[in-house]
Amino acid sequence: MSTARRIACFLAVPAAVIVVFFIGWIWAINSSRAHILVRNQSGTTLSNLTISGSCEQRHVDTVSDHSEWQTVTPYRKGGQIQFSFLSGAKRYSSSPEIYTNHSGSCGITLTVLSNMNIESEVRY
């Protein structure tokens, strides 16, 4: 192998790595992700908490009283996110007014109140 060919290969490998990195970075920026924060203000421990629907399902075993759980999940445009959990051997399920009719990244806050109602907020 000639010296010129070795130099070309030596420069081509880092250039290819940089190109792949930037393609991945641009793809990650354009993919739709929901940053979800669940606040438990119910006064009881929530168990088997599941977030599903138009997003990849996320699950946590327990969220104790007056604590928070954070997760990030990709979602599909044009659907609704569902939320369910157990508390005191009773199942609660809700589809808060959270529709994924946009693309990009968003922040979703779900708060379980003392009457087990779910309050939701979305930030784009």
Protein backbone atom coordinates (compact mmCIF):
# COMPACT_ATOMS: atom_id res chain seq x y z
CA MET A 1 0.00 0.00 0.00
CA SER A 2 1.41 3.37 -0.95
CA THR A 3 1.93 6.22 1.48
CA ALA A 4 -0.75 8.34 -0.20
CA ARG A 5 -3.28 5.53 0.15
CA ARG A 6 -2.42 5.06 3.86
CA ILE A 7 -2.87 8.77 4.52
CA ALA A 8 -6.21 8.75 2.66
CA CYS A 9 -7.46 5.79 4.76
CA PHE A 10 -6.17 7.43 7.94
CA LEU A 11 -8.19 10.57 7.17
CA ALA A 12 -11.28 8.78 5.82
CA VAL A 13 -12.02 6.82 9.01
CA PRO A 14 -12.33 9.86 11.35
CA ALA A 15 -14.28 11.74 8.67
CA ALA A 16 -16.75 8.84 8.39
CA VAL A 17 -17.16 8.72 12.18
CA ILE A 18 -17.88 12.46 12.29
CA VAL A 19 -20.45 12.17 9.47
CA VAL A 20 -22.24 9.26 11.22
CA PHE A 21 -22.26 11.23 14.50
CA PHE A 22 -23.86 14.28 12.90
CA ILE A 23 -26.45 12.19 11.02
CA GLY A 24 -27.42 10.53 14.32
CA TRP A 25 -27.54 13.90 16.07
CA ILE A 26 -29.82 15.41 13.42
CA TRP A 27 -32.06 12.33 13.52
CA ALA A 28 -32.32 12.55 17.34
CA ILE A 29 -33.23 16.25 17.19
CA ASN A 30 -36.02 15.59 14.70
CA SER A 31 -37.52 12.56 16.44
CA SER A 32 -40.54 13.17 18.64
CA ARG A 33 -39.91 12.62 22.34
CA ALA A 34 -42.07 13.30 25.37
CA HIS A 35 -40.35 14.20 28.63
CA ILE A 36 -42.87 12.97 31.19
CA LEU A 37 -42.94 13.97 34.85
CA VAL A 38 -45.42 12.21 37.16
CA ARG A 39 -46.06 13.85 40.54
CA ASN A 40 -47.79 11.86 43.25
CA GLN A 41 -49.67 14.24 45.54
CA SER A 42 -52.34 11.69 46.43
CA GLY A 43 -51.17 10.84 49.93
CA THR A 44 -50.82 7.13 49.05
CA THR A 45 -48.30 5.04 47.15
CA LEU A 46 -49.06 4.42 43.48
CA SER A 47 -48.11 1.03 42.06
CA ASN A 48 -47.89 -0.45 38.57
CA LEU A 49 -47.91 3.01 37.00
CA THR A 50 -48.03 2.71 33.21
CA ILE A 51 -47.94 5.34 30.49
CA SER A 52 -49.01 4.06 27.07
CA GLY A 53 -51.09 4.92 24.03
CA SER A 54 -49.46 6.82 21.21
CA CYS A 55 -46.08 6.56 22.94
CA GLU A 56 -43.73 3.71 23.74
CA GLN A 57 -45.01 2.18 26.95
CA ARG A 58 -43.22 3.16 30.15
CA HIS A 59 -43.74 1.44 33.50
CA VAL A 60 -42.60 1.90 37.09
CA ASP A 61 -43.41 -0.43 39.99
CA THR A 62 -44.07 2.22 42.67
CA VAL A 63 -44.19 5.98 43.12
CA SER A 64 -44.34 6.78 46.81
CA ASP A 65 -46.37 9.50 48.47
CA HIS A 66 -45.28 13.06 47.55
CA SER A 67 -42.56 11.99 45.13
CA GLU A 68 -41.93 12.25 41.39
CA TRP A 69 -41.00 9.93 38.54
CA GLN A 70 -39.44 11.12 35.29
CA THR A 71 -39.13 9.31 31.99
CA VAL A 72 -38.60 10.07 28.30
CA THR A 73 -40.46 8.20 25.59
CA PRO A 74 -40.77 8.47 21.80
CA TYR A 75 -44.32 9.05 20.57
CA ARG A 76 -46.30 8.83 17.36
CA LYS A 77 -47.99 11.90 15.97
CA GLY A 78 -51.78 12.09 16.13
CA GLY A 79 -52.66 9.96 19.16
CA GLN A 80 -53.48 10.22 22.81
CA ILE A 81 -51.43 9.20 25.82
CA GLN A 82 -53.05 6.97 28.46
CA PHE A 83 -52.15 6.77 32.12
CA SER A 84 -53.01 4.01 34.63
CA PHE A 85 -51.99 2.92 38.13
CA LEU A 86 -53.10 1.00 41.21
CA SER A 87 -53.74 2.60 44.58
CA GLY A 88 -55.30 0.84 47.56
CA ALA A 89 -56.08 -2.27 45.45
CA LYS A 90 -58.16 -0.15 43.05
CA ARG A 91 -57.20 0.50 39.42
CA TYR A 92 -57.32 4.03 38.09
CA SER A 93 -57.08 4.81 34.40
CA SER A 94 -57.23 8.09 32.57
CA SER A 95 -56.67 9.59 29.16
CA PRO A 96 -55.84 13.18 30.04
CA GLU A 97 -56.24 15.91 27.45
CA ILE A 98 -52.81 15.16 25.99
CA TYR A 99 -52.80 14.68 22.25
CA THR A 100 -49.63 14.26 20.23
CA ASN A 101 -50.76 16.37 17.28
CA HIS A 102 -47.36 17.98 16.90
CA SER A 103 -43.84 16.79 16.23
CA GLY A 104 -40.65 17.38 18.12
CA SER A 105 -39.99 17.38 21.82
CA CYS A 106 -42.57 18.23 24.47
CA GLY A 107 -42.82 18.21 28.23
CA ILE A 108 -45.79 16.51 29.91
CA THR A 109 -46.57 16.85 33.60
CA LEU A 110 -49.12 14.51 35.16
CA THR A 111 -50.15 15.16 38.77
CA VAL A 112 -52.20 12.67 40.78
CA LEU A 113 -54.28 14.72 43.21
CA SER A 114 -55.59 13.61 46.61
CA ASN A 115 -58.97 12.65 45.07
CA MET A 116 -57.11 10.47 42.50
CA ASN A 117 -57.95 12.80 39.64
CA ILE A 118 -55.16 13.43 37.16
CA GLU A 119 -54.19 16.99 36.32
CA SER A 120 -52.13 17.37 33.14
CA GLU A 121 -50.02 20.06 31.50
CA VAL A 122 -48.15 20.04 28.18
CA ARG A 123 -45.27 22.33 27.22
CA TYR A 124 -44.04 22.41 23.63
